[in-house]
Amino acid sequence: MPTVSNVSTGKPKITGAVYRAPAGTTLPTDATTTLDTAFQELGFVSEDGVTNNNSPDTENVHAWGGTVVLVIQNERPDEWTLTLIESINPNVLKTVYGDAHVTVGTNGMITVEATADQAASAVYVIDMQLKGGGMKRVVISAGDLKEVGEIVYKDDEPIGYEITLTALPDSNGVTHREYIQPAS
């Protein structure tokens, strides 16, 4: 039987919703435990929220006459897209350009070096508040920056970094884990 209380939205936690840490950082194993101090908050995300593409890419094999007789899965990417809008947050800039290419001087001056270097894999956590006070936490144990969208500088919208992360499998083949703590 359908249950209305199982229908929810995913709003960001007021205290922060998207975090990044170096590969190898201790991973959370539930929806509410305080994150390891290595996690850095990436600030506000655009109103479009976070999108997960976890759909398999398949190919149909047809028999003579056109009947589908087999479906072959070529790949099943696990990709996460979001737009980070805190454009002067050093943690955001390090996510986009790489840790080694962003420095913050003693006077607060931020220097960014755009290079062709591939950013290192990192751990990502996305925290959401569910309807009624429940919590959901997505843990990506190894995320690679796949793409950065066009960066637009306009006077009527925030500077944003649309990033797409590819979640890579861990030693058990898991690309991400979701922990859900229903409202009490």
N, C-alpha and C. Protein backbone atom coordinates (compact mmCIF):
# COMPACT_ATOMS: atom_id res chain seq x y z
N MET A 1 0.85 -1.17 0.00
CA MET A 1 0.00 0.00 0.00
C MET A 1 0.90 1.24 0.00
N PRO A 2 0.62 2.21 -0.84
CA PRO A 2 1.40 3.45 -0.85
C PRO A 2 1.28 4.18 0.48
N THR A 3 2.37 4.83 0.87
CA THR A 3 2.41 5.57 2.13
C THR A 3 2.87 7.00 1.86
N VAL A 4 2.01 7.97 2.13
CA VAL A 4 2.31 9.38 1.88
C VAL A 4 3.56 9.83 2.62
N SER A 5 3.80 9.32 3.80
CA SER A 5 4.96 9.75 4.58
C SER A 5 6.29 9.31 3.96
N ASN A 6 6.25 8.42 2.97
CA ASN A 6 7.47 8.01 2.28
C ASN A 6 7.84 8.93 1.12
N VAL A 7 7.00 9.93 0.84
CA VAL A 7 7.27 10.90 -0.22
C VAL A 7 8.01 12.08 0.41
N SER A 8 9.12 12.50 -0.22
CA SER A 8 9.91 13.56 0.40
C SER A 8 10.58 14.44 -0.65
N THR A 9 11.19 15.49 -0.17
CA THR A 9 12.05 16.35 -0.98
C THR A 9 13.45 16.25 -0.39
N GLY A 10 14.42 16.77 -1.11
CA GLY A 10 15.79 16.79 -0.62
C GLY A 10 16.30 18.21 -0.56
N LYS A 11 16.19 18.83 0.62
CA LYS A 11 16.67 20.20 0.81
C LYS A 11 18.05 20.17 1.42
N PRO A 12 18.86 21.19 1.14
CA PRO A 12 20.19 21.21 1.77
C PRO A 12 20.06 21.47 3.27
N LYS A 13 20.98 20.90 4.02
CA LYS A 13 21.05 21.23 5.44
C LYS A 13 21.44 22.70 5.56
N ILE A 14 20.88 23.40 6.51
CA ILE A 14 21.19 24.81 6.70
C ILE A 14 22.67 25.00 7.05
N THR A 15 23.27 24.04 7.71
CA THR A 15 24.66 24.15 8.13
C THR A 15 25.65 23.75 7.04
N GLY A 16 25.18 23.38 5.88
CA GLY A 16 26.04 22.96 4.78
C GLY A 16 25.54 21.67 4.19
N ALA A 17 25.80 21.49 2.88
CA ALA A 17 25.23 20.32 2.24
C ALA A 17 26.24 19.53 1.40
N VAL A 18 27.25 20.17 0.85
CA VAL A 18 28.20 19.48 -0.02
C VAL A 18 29.60 19.67 0.55
N TYR A 19 30.31 18.56 0.70
CA TYR A 19 31.63 18.57 1.32
C TYR A 19 32.61 17.78 0.46
N ARG A 20 33.89 18.15 0.55
CA ARG A 20 34.96 17.44 -0.17
C ARG A 20 36.11 17.23 0.79
N ALA A 21 36.75 16.05 0.66
CA ALA A 21 37.93 15.73 1.47
C ALA A 21 38.91 14.95 0.60
N PRO A 22 40.18 14.92 1.00
CA PRO A 22 41.16 14.14 0.24
C PRO A 22 40.81 12.66 0.23
N ALA A 23 41.21 11.99 -0.83
CA ALA A 23 41.04 10.53 -0.91
C ALA A 23 41.67 9.90 0.32
N GLY A 24 41.01 8.87 0.85
CA GLY A 24 41.53 8.18 2.02
C GLY A 24 40.98 8.69 3.34
N THR A 25 40.22 9.80 3.31
CA THR A 25 39.62 10.32 4.52
C THR A 25 38.60 9.32 5.06
N THR A 26 38.48 9.23 6.37
CA THR A 26 37.51 8.32 6.99
C THR A 26 36.10 8.69 6.53
N LEU A 27 35.40 7.69 6.03
CA LEU A 27 34.06 7.90 5.48
C LEU A 27 32.99 7.75 6.56
N PRO A 28 31.94 8.57 6.48
CA PRO A 28 30.82 8.37 7.40
C PRO A 28 30.05 7.11 7.02
N THR A 29 29.40 6.51 8.00
CA THR A 29 28.65 5.27 7.75
C THR A 29 27.19 5.40 8.19
N ASP A 30 26.72 6.63 8.32
CA ASP A 30 25.32 6.87 8.63
C ASP A 30 24.95 8.27 8.13
N ALA A 31 23.72 8.67 8.40
CA ALA A 31 23.21 9.94 7.86
C ALA A 31 23.47 11.14 8.75
N THR A 32 23.93 10.94 9.98
CA THR A 32 23.97 12.08 10.90
C THR A 32 25.27 12.31 11.65
N THR A 33 26.18 11.36 11.65
CA THR A 33 27.43 11.52 12.40
C THR A 33 28.22 12.70 11.85
N THR A 34 28.86 13.44 12.75
CA THR A 34 29.71 14.56 12.35
C THR A 34 30.83 14.06 11.45
N LEU A 35 31.07 14.82 10.37
CA LEU A 35 32.10 14.43 9.41
C LEU A 35 33.50 14.63 9.97
N ASP A 36 34.44 13.86 9.45
CA ASP A 36 35.85 14.01 9.76
C ASP A 36 36.26 15.46 9.48
N THR A 37 37.20 15.98 10.26
CA THR A 37 37.62 17.39 10.10
C THR A 37 38.29 17.66 8.76
N ALA A 38 38.67 16.64 8.01
CA ALA A 38 39.28 16.85 6.69
C ALA A 38 38.26 17.33 5.66
N PHE A 39 36.97 17.13 5.93
CA PHE A 39 35.94 17.56 4.97
C PHE A 39 35.82 19.08 4.99
N GLN A 40 35.80 19.67 3.80
CA GLN A 40 35.64 21.11 3.64
C GLN A 40 34.29 21.38 2.96
N GLU A 41 33.54 22.32 3.51
CA GLU A 41 32.24 22.66 2.95
C GLU A 41 32.44 23.46 1.66
N LEU A 42 31.61 23.15 0.65
CA LEU A 42 31.70 23.83 -0.64
C LEU A 42 30.66 24.93 -0.79
N GLY A 43 29.98 25.29 0.27
CA GLY A 43 29.09 26.44 0.26
C GLY A 43 27.79 26.22 -0.49
N PHE A 44 27.20 27.34 -0.88
CA PHE A 44 25.89 27.30 -1.54
C PHE A 44 25.97 26.63 -2.91
N VAL A 45 24.91 25.87 -3.21
CA VAL A 45 24.70 25.26 -4.51
C VAL A 45 23.54 26.00 -5.15
N SER A 46 23.55 26.15 -6.46
CA SER A 46 22.47 26.87 -7.14
C SER A 46 21.12 26.23 -6.87
N GLU A 47 20.06 26.99 -7.17
CA GLU A 47 18.70 26.52 -6.92
C GLU A 47 18.34 25.26 -7.71
N ASP A 48 19.16 24.87 -8.68
CA ASP A 48 18.90 23.65 -9.44
C ASP A 48 19.20 22.40 -8.62
N GLY A 49 19.87 22.57 -7.48
CA GLY A 49 20.16 21.44 -6.60
C GLY A 49 21.23 20.52 -7.16
N VAL A 50 21.11 19.26 -6.83
CA VAL A 50 22.08 18.23 -7.21
C VAL A 50 21.35 17.19 -8.05
N THR A 51 21.98 16.80 -9.16
CA THR A 51 21.38 15.80 -10.05
C THR A 51 22.29 14.58 -10.13
N ASN A 52 21.70 13.40 -10.01
CA ASN A 52 22.45 12.15 -10.13
C ASN A 52 21.99 11.41 -11.38
N ASN A 53 22.94 11.13 -12.28
CA ASN A 53 22.67 10.30 -13.46
C ASN A 53 23.29 8.94 -13.18
N ASN A 54 22.45 7.94 -12.96
CA ASN A 54 22.92 6.61 -12.62
C ASN A 54 22.21 5.58 -13.49
N SER A 55 22.01 5.96 -14.75
CA SER A 55 21.26 5.12 -15.68
C SER A 55 22.21 4.30 -16.55
N PRO A 56 21.93 3.02 -16.72
CA PRO A 56 22.82 2.21 -17.55
C PRO A 56 22.73 2.59 -19.02
N ASP A 57 23.86 2.48 -19.72
CA ASP A 57 23.91 2.64 -21.16
C ASP A 57 23.85 1.23 -21.74
N THR A 58 22.79 0.94 -22.48
CA THR A 58 22.59 -0.42 -22.98
C THR A 58 22.49 -0.45 -24.50
N GLU A 59 22.63 -1.64 -25.00
CA GLU A 59 22.52 -1.88 -26.44
C GLU A 59 21.63 -3.11 -26.64
N ASN A 60 20.64 -2.98 -27.50
CA ASN A 60 19.76 -4.11 -27.79
C ASN A 60 20.36 -4.98 -28.88
N VAL A 61 20.28 -6.29 -28.69
CA VAL A 61 20.68 -7.24 -29.72
C VAL A 61 19.39 -7.77 -30.33
N HIS A 62 19.30 -7.67 -31.64
CA HIS A 62 18.07 -8.07 -32.35
C HIS A 62 18.29 -9.39 -33.10
N ALA A 63 17.27 -10.20 -33.11
CA ALA A 63 17.26 -11.41 -33.94
C ALA A 63 16.74 -11.02 -35.33
N TRP A 64 16.91 -11.89 -36.21
CA TRP A 64 16.37 -11.67 -37.55
C TRP A 64 14.88 -11.42 -37.42
N GLY A 65 14.41 -10.38 -38.00
CA GLY A 65 13.00 -10.01 -37.90
C GLY A 65 12.77 -8.86 -36.92
N GLY A 66 13.79 -8.50 -36.14
CA GLY A 66 13.68 -7.32 -35.30
C GLY A 66 13.38 -7.53 -33.84
N THR A 67 13.13 -8.76 -33.41
CA THR A 67 12.83 -9.01 -32.02
C THR A 67 14.07 -8.80 -31.15
N VAL A 68 13.91 -8.07 -30.04
CA VAL A 68 15.02 -7.89 -29.10
C VAL A 68 15.18 -9.19 -28.33
N VAL A 69 16.40 -9.77 -28.39
CA VAL A 69 16.64 -11.05 -27.73
C VAL A 69 17.66 -10.95 -26.60
N LEU A 70 18.32 -9.80 -26.49
CA LEU A 70 19.32 -9.63 -25.45
C LEU A 70 19.57 -8.14 -25.27
N VAL A 71 19.77 -7.73 -24.03
CA VAL A 71 20.14 -6.35 -23.73
C VAL A 71 21.52 -6.40 -23.08
N ILE A 72 22.47 -5.71 -23.70
CA ILE A 72 23.85 -5.69 -23.19
C ILE A 72 24.09 -4.35 -22.50
N GLN A 73 24.55 -4.40 -21.26
CA GLN A 73 24.91 -3.16 -20.56
C GLN A 73 26.35 -2.84 -20.89
N ASN A 74 26.57 -1.69 -21.55
CA ASN A 74 27.92 -1.27 -21.91
C ASN A 74 28.61 -0.59 -20.74
N GLU A 75 27.88 0.24 -20.04
CA GLU A 75 28.42 0.93 -18.87
C GLU A 75 27.27 1.43 -18.02
N ARG A 76 27.59 1.79 -16.80
CA ARG A 76 26.60 2.39 -15.91
C ARG A 76 27.29 3.50 -15.14
N PRO A 77 27.40 4.67 -15.78
CA PRO A 77 28.07 5.77 -15.09
C PRO A 77 27.25 6.26 -13.90
N ASP A 78 27.95 6.67 -12.88
CA ASP A 78 27.31 7.26 -11.70
C ASP A 78 27.86 8.68 -11.61
N GLU A 79 27.10 9.63 -12.14
CA GLU A 79 27.57 11.00 -12.25
C GLU A 79 26.69 11.95 -11.46
N TRP A 80 27.32 12.95 -10.86
CA TRP A 80 26.64 13.93 -10.02
C TRP A 80 26.94 15.32 -10.57
N THR A 81 25.90 16.10 -10.82
CA THR A 81 26.07 17.45 -11.37
C THR A 81 25.46 18.46 -10.41
N LEU A 82 26.20 19.54 -10.16
CA LEU A 82 25.73 20.63 -9.32
C LEU A 82 26.50 21.89 -9.68
N THR A 83 25.95 23.02 -9.33
CA THR A 83 26.62 24.29 -9.60
C THR A 83 26.96 24.95 -8.27
N LEU A 84 28.26 25.11 -8.04
CA LEU A 84 28.76 25.77 -6.83
C LEU A 84 28.77 27.27 -7.08
N ILE A 85 28.12 28.05 -6.21
CA ILE A 85 27.98 29.48 -6.49
C ILE A 85 28.75 30.38 -5.52
N GLU A 86 29.56 29.80 -4.65
CA GLU A 86 30.42 30.63 -3.80
C GLU A 86 31.76 30.78 -4.53
N SER A 87 31.80 31.71 -5.47
CA SER A 87 32.92 31.83 -6.39
C SER A 87 34.20 32.37 -5.77
N ILE A 88 34.14 32.87 -4.54
CA ILE A 88 35.38 33.30 -3.88
C ILE A 88 35.68 32.44 -2.65
N ASN A 89 35.08 31.27 -2.59
CA ASN A 89 35.35 30.29 -1.53
C ASN A 89 36.55 29.46 -2.01
N PRO A 90 37.69 29.53 -1.30
CA PRO A 90 38.87 28.77 -1.73
C PRO A 90 38.61 27.27 -1.90
N ASN A 91 37.71 26.69 -1.10
CA ASN A 91 37.42 25.26 -1.22
C ASN A 91 36.72 24.95 -2.54
N VAL A 92 35.86 25.85 -2.99
CA VAL A 92 35.21 25.70 -4.30
C VAL A 92 36.26 25.78 -5.40
N LEU A 93 37.11 26.79 -5.32
CA LEU A 93 38.13 26.98 -6.34
C LEU A 93 39.10 25.80 -6.39
N LYS A 94 39.43 25.23 -5.24
CA LYS A 94 40.31 24.05 -5.21
C LYS A 94 39.63 22.84 -5.83
N THR A 95 38.32 22.74 -5.67
CA THR A 95 37.57 21.65 -6.30
C THR A 95 37.64 21.76 -7.81
N VAL A 96 37.54 22.98 -8.32
CA VAL A 96 37.51 23.23 -9.76
C VAL A 96 38.90 23.19 -10.38
N TYR A 97 39.88 23.81 -9.74
CA TYR A 97 41.21 23.98 -10.34
C TYR A 97 42.29 23.07 -9.75
N GLY A 98 42.00 22.40 -8.66
CA GLY A 98 42.98 21.54 -8.01
C GLY A 98 43.60 22.23 -6.80
N ASP A 99 43.83 21.47 -5.75
CA ASP A 99 44.37 22.01 -4.50
C ASP A 99 45.68 22.76 -4.71
N ALA A 100 46.55 22.22 -5.55
CA ALA A 100 47.88 22.81 -5.74
C ALA A 100 47.84 24.12 -6.53
N HIS A 101 46.71 24.44 -7.12
CA HIS A 101 46.63 25.61 -8.01
C HIS A 101 45.83 26.76 -7.43
N VAL A 102 45.50 26.68 -6.15
CA VAL A 102 44.79 27.77 -5.47
C VAL A 102 45.53 28.07 -4.18
N THR A 103 45.93 29.32 -4.02
CA THR A 103 46.59 29.72 -2.78
C THR A 103 45.88 30.93 -2.20
N VAL A 104 45.91 31.01 -0.90
CA VAL A 104 45.33 32.14 -0.18
C VAL A 104 46.47 32.79 0.58
N GLY A 105 46.74 34.07 0.25
CA GLY A 105 47.82 34.79 0.91
C GLY A 105 47.43 35.25 2.30
N THR A 106 48.41 35.75 3.03
CA THR A 106 48.17 36.22 4.40
C THR A 106 47.20 37.39 4.43
N ASN A 107 47.11 38.12 3.34
CA ASN A 107 46.17 39.26 3.27
C ASN A 107 44.80 38.85 2.73
N GLY A 108 44.59 37.53 2.53
CA GLY A 108 43.31 37.04 2.02
C GLY A 108 43.23 36.97 0.50
N MET A 109 44.26 37.47 -0.19
CA MET A 109 44.27 37.44 -1.66
C MET A 109 44.32 35.99 -2.14
N ILE A 110 43.41 35.66 -3.04
CA ILE A 110 43.34 34.31 -3.60
C ILE A 110 43.97 34.34 -4.98
N THR A 111 44.86 33.38 -5.23
CA THR A 111 45.47 33.24 -6.55
C THR A 111 45.07 31.89 -7.11
N VAL A 112 44.57 31.90 -8.35
CA VAL A 112 44.14 30.68 -9.03
C VAL A 112 44.99 30.52 -10.28
N GLU A 113 45.53 29.33 -10.47
CA GLU A 113 46.28 29.01 -11.68
C GLU A 113 45.49 27.98 -12.47
N ALA A 114 45.01 28.35 -13.65
CA ALA A 114 44.30 27.41 -14.51
C ALA A 114 45.33 26.63 -15.31
N THR A 115 45.32 25.31 -15.15
CA THR A 115 46.27 24.44 -15.85
C THR A 115 45.51 23.29 -16.49
N ALA A 116 46.23 22.47 -17.21
CA ALA A 116 45.64 21.27 -17.82
C ALA A 116 45.77 20.06 -16.90
N ASP A 117 46.29 20.26 -15.68
CA ASP A 117 46.45 19.15 -14.74
C ASP A 117 45.10 18.56 -14.37
N GLN A 118 45.06 17.24 -14.25
CA GLN A 118 43.84 16.57 -13.80
C GLN A 118 43.76 16.66 -12.29
N ALA A 119 42.60 17.06 -11.80
CA ALA A 119 42.39 17.15 -10.35
C ALA A 119 42.42 15.75 -9.75
N ALA A 120 42.94 15.66 -8.54
CA ALA A 120 43.01 14.37 -7.84
C ALA A 120 41.61 13.90 -7.44
N SER A 121 41.44 12.60 -7.35
CA SER A 121 40.18 12.05 -6.83
C SER A 121 39.98 12.54 -5.41
N ALA A 122 38.74 12.70 -5.03
CA ALA A 122 38.42 13.16 -3.69
C ALA A 122 37.19 12.42 -3.19
N VAL A 123 36.93 12.56 -1.90
CA VAL A 123 35.74 12.01 -1.28
C VAL A 123 34.71 13.14 -1.23
N TYR A 124 33.47 12.85 -1.56
CA TYR A 124 32.41 13.85 -1.52
C TYR A 124 31.26 13.34 -0.67
N VAL A 125 30.65 14.25 0.07
CA VAL A 125 29.47 13.94 0.87
C VAL A 125 28.42 15.00 0.55
N ILE A 126 27.20 14.54 0.33
CA ILE A 126 26.06 15.43 0.08
C ILE A 126 25.02 15.13 1.14
N ASP A 127 24.73 16.13 1.97
CA ASP A 127 23.76 15.98 3.05
C ASP A 127 22.45 16.67 2.69
N MET A 128 21.34 16.00 2.96
CA MET A 128 20.02 16.56 2.67
C MET A 128 19.09 16.38 3.86
N GLN A 129 18.24 17.36 4.03
CA GLN A 129 17.18 17.25 5.02
C GLN A 129 15.92 16.80 4.29
N LEU A 130 15.29 15.77 4.80
CA LEU A 130 14.07 15.24 4.20
C LEU A 130 12.84 15.84 4.88
N LYS A 131 11.71 15.66 4.24
CA LYS A 131 10.45 16.14 4.79
C LYS A 131 10.24 15.57 6.19
N GLY A 132 9.84 16.41 7.12
CA GLY A 132 9.54 15.95 8.46
C GLY A 132 10.75 15.84 9.37
N GLY A 133 11.92 16.22 8.87
CA GLY A 133 13.11 16.19 9.72
C GLY A 133 14.03 15.00 9.53
N GLY A 134 13.73 14.13 8.60
CA GLY A 134 14.64 13.02 8.31
C GLY A 134 15.90 13.54 7.63
N MET A 135 16.91 12.69 7.53
CA MET A 135 18.17 13.08 6.91
C MET A 135 18.59 12.03 5.89
N LYS A 136 19.24 12.50 4.83
CA LYS A 136 19.82 11.61 3.83
C LYS A 136 21.24 12.07 3.58
N ARG A 137 22.16 11.13 3.52
CA ARG A 137 23.56 11.44 3.25
C ARG A 137 24.03 10.54 2.11
N VAL A 138 24.60 11.17 1.08
CA VAL A 138 25.21 10.45 -0.04
C VAL A 138 26.72 10.53 0.17
N VAL A 139 27.38 9.38 0.10
CA VAL A 139 28.83 9.32 0.27
C VAL A 139 29.44 8.76 -1.01
N ILE A 140 30.26 9.58 -1.66
CA ILE A 140 31.00 9.18 -2.86
C ILE A 140 32.44 8.98 -2.40
N SER A 141 32.87 7.73 -2.31
CA SER A 141 34.18 7.44 -1.73
C SER A 141 35.34 7.80 -2.64
N ALA A 142 35.10 7.89 -3.94
CA ALA A 142 36.13 8.33 -4.89
C ALA A 142 35.43 9.03 -6.04
N GLY A 143 35.52 10.35 -6.05
CA GLY A 143 34.88 11.13 -7.11
C GLY A 143 35.93 11.85 -7.93
N ASP A 144 35.82 11.72 -9.25
CA ASP A 144 36.71 12.44 -10.17
C ASP A 144 35.93 13.56 -10.84
N LEU A 145 36.57 14.70 -10.99
CA LEU A 145 35.97 15.82 -11.69
C LEU A 145 35.96 15.49 -13.17
N LYS A 146 34.78 15.25 -13.72
CA LYS A 146 34.65 14.88 -15.12
C LYS A 146 34.56 16.11 -16.01
N GLU A 147 33.82 17.12 -15.54
CA GLU A 147 33.56 18.27 -16.40
C GLU A 147 33.29 19.51 -15.57
N VAL A 148 33.70 20.65 -16.10
CA VAL A 148 33.35 21.95 -15.55
C VAL A 148 32.64 22.69 -16.68
N GLY A 149 31.43 23.14 -16.42
CA GLY A 149 30.66 23.86 -17.43
C GLY A 149 31.26 25.23 -17.69
N GLU A 150 30.68 25.92 -18.66
CA GLU A 150 31.12 27.28 -18.97
C GLU A 150 30.92 28.17 -17.74
N ILE A 151 31.90 29.02 -17.49
CA ILE A 151 31.81 29.95 -16.37
C ILE A 151 31.34 31.28 -16.95
N VAL A 152 30.19 31.74 -16.49
CA VAL A 152 29.58 32.95 -17.05
C VAL A 152 29.74 34.09 -16.05
N TYR A 153 30.18 35.24 -16.56
CA TYR A 153 30.32 36.44 -15.74
C TYR A 153 29.31 37.45 -16.24
N LYS A 154 28.23 37.65 -15.47
CA LYS A 154 27.16 38.58 -15.83
C LYS A 154 26.78 39.37 -14.59
N ASP A 155 26.17 40.53 -14.84
CA ASP A 155 25.79 41.36 -13.70
C ASP A 155 24.46 40.98 -13.08
N ASP A 156 23.75 40.02 -13.67
CA ASP A 156 22.44 39.66 -13.12
C ASP A 156 22.34 38.21 -12.67
N GLU A 157 23.49 37.54 -12.48
CA GLU A 157 23.46 36.18 -11.93
C GLU A 157 24.80 35.89 -11.26
N PRO A 158 24.79 34.98 -10.29
CA PRO A 158 26.04 34.69 -9.59
C PRO A 158 27.02 33.94 -10.50
N ILE A 159 28.31 34.15 -10.25
CA ILE A 159 29.33 33.35 -10.92
C ILE A 159 29.18 31.94 -10.36
N GLY A 160 29.09 30.97 -11.23
CA GLY A 160 28.90 29.60 -10.78
C GLY A 160 29.82 28.64 -11.50
N TYR A 161 30.16 27.58 -10.80
CA TYR A 161 30.98 26.52 -11.36
C TYR A 161 30.12 25.26 -11.42
N GLU A 162 29.59 24.98 -12.61
CA GLU A 162 28.81 23.75 -12.79
C GLU A 162 29.80 22.60 -12.95
N ILE A 163 29.79 21.70 -12.00
CA ILE A 163 30.72 20.57 -12.05
C ILE A 163 29.96 19.26 -12.19
N THR A 164 30.58 18.33 -12.88
CA THR A 164 30.06 16.96 -12.96
C THR A 164 31.14 16.05 -12.40
N LEU A 165 30.75 15.28 -11.40
CA LEU A 165 31.65 14.32 -10.76
C LEU A 165 31.29 12.92 -11.22
N THR A 166 32.28 12.11 -11.49
CA THR A 166 32.06 10.70 -11.75
C THR A 166 32.45 9.93 -10.50
N ALA A 167 31.50 9.17 -9.96
CA ALA A 167 31.75 8.35 -8.78
C ALA A 167 32.38 7.04 -9.25
N LEU A 168 33.58 6.78 -8.75
CA LEU A 168 34.32 5.58 -9.14
C LEU A 168 34.05 4.46 -8.13
N PRO A 169 34.13 3.21 -8.57
CA PRO A 169 33.83 2.10 -7.65
C PRO A 169 34.93 1.89 -6.61
N ASP A 170 34.50 1.52 -5.41
CA ASP A 170 35.45 1.15 -4.37
C ASP A 170 35.84 -0.32 -4.57
N SER A 171 36.56 -0.89 -3.63
CA SER A 171 37.03 -2.27 -3.77
C SER A 171 35.89 -3.29 -3.82
N ASN A 172 34.67 -2.87 -3.43
CA ASN A 172 33.50 -3.75 -3.51
C ASN A 172 32.63 -3.45 -4.72
N GLY A 173 33.07 -2.53 -5.59
CA GLY A 173 32.31 -2.19 -6.78
C GLY A 173 31.21 -1.16 -6.53
N VAL A 174 31.17 -0.57 -5.33
CA VAL A 174 30.13 0.40 -4.97
C VAL A 174 30.60 1.80 -5.38
N THR A 175 29.78 2.51 -6.16
CA THR A 175 30.16 3.86 -6.60
C THR A 175 29.71 4.94 -5.62
N HIS A 176 28.61 4.74 -4.95
CA HIS A 176 28.21 5.64 -3.86
C HIS A 176 27.29 4.88 -2.91
N ARG A 177 27.21 5.40 -1.70
CA ARG A 177 26.31 4.84 -0.70
C ARG A 177 25.36 5.93 -0.26
N GLU A 178 24.13 5.54 0.07
CA GLU A 178 23.13 6.46 0.60
C GLU A 178 22.70 5.97 1.96
N TYR A 179 22.73 6.89 2.93
CA TYR A 179 22.28 6.57 4.27
C TYR A 179 21.06 7.45 4.55
N ILE A 180 19.97 6.83 4.94
CA ILE A 180 18.72 7.55 5.17
C ILE A 180 18.27 7.33 6.60
N GLN A 181 18.08 8.44 7.32
CA GLN A 181 17.55 8.39 8.68
C GLN A 181 16.15 8.99 8.62
N PRO A 182 15.09 8.15 8.62
CA PRO A 182 13.73 8.68 8.55
C PRO A 182 13.43 9.59 9.75
N ALA A 183 12.47 10.47 9.56
CA ALA A 183 12.02 11.34 10.66
C ALA A 183 11.45 10.47 11.77
N SER A 184 11.68 10.90 13.01
CA SER A 184 11.16 10.10 14.13
C SER A 184 9.72 10.42 14.42
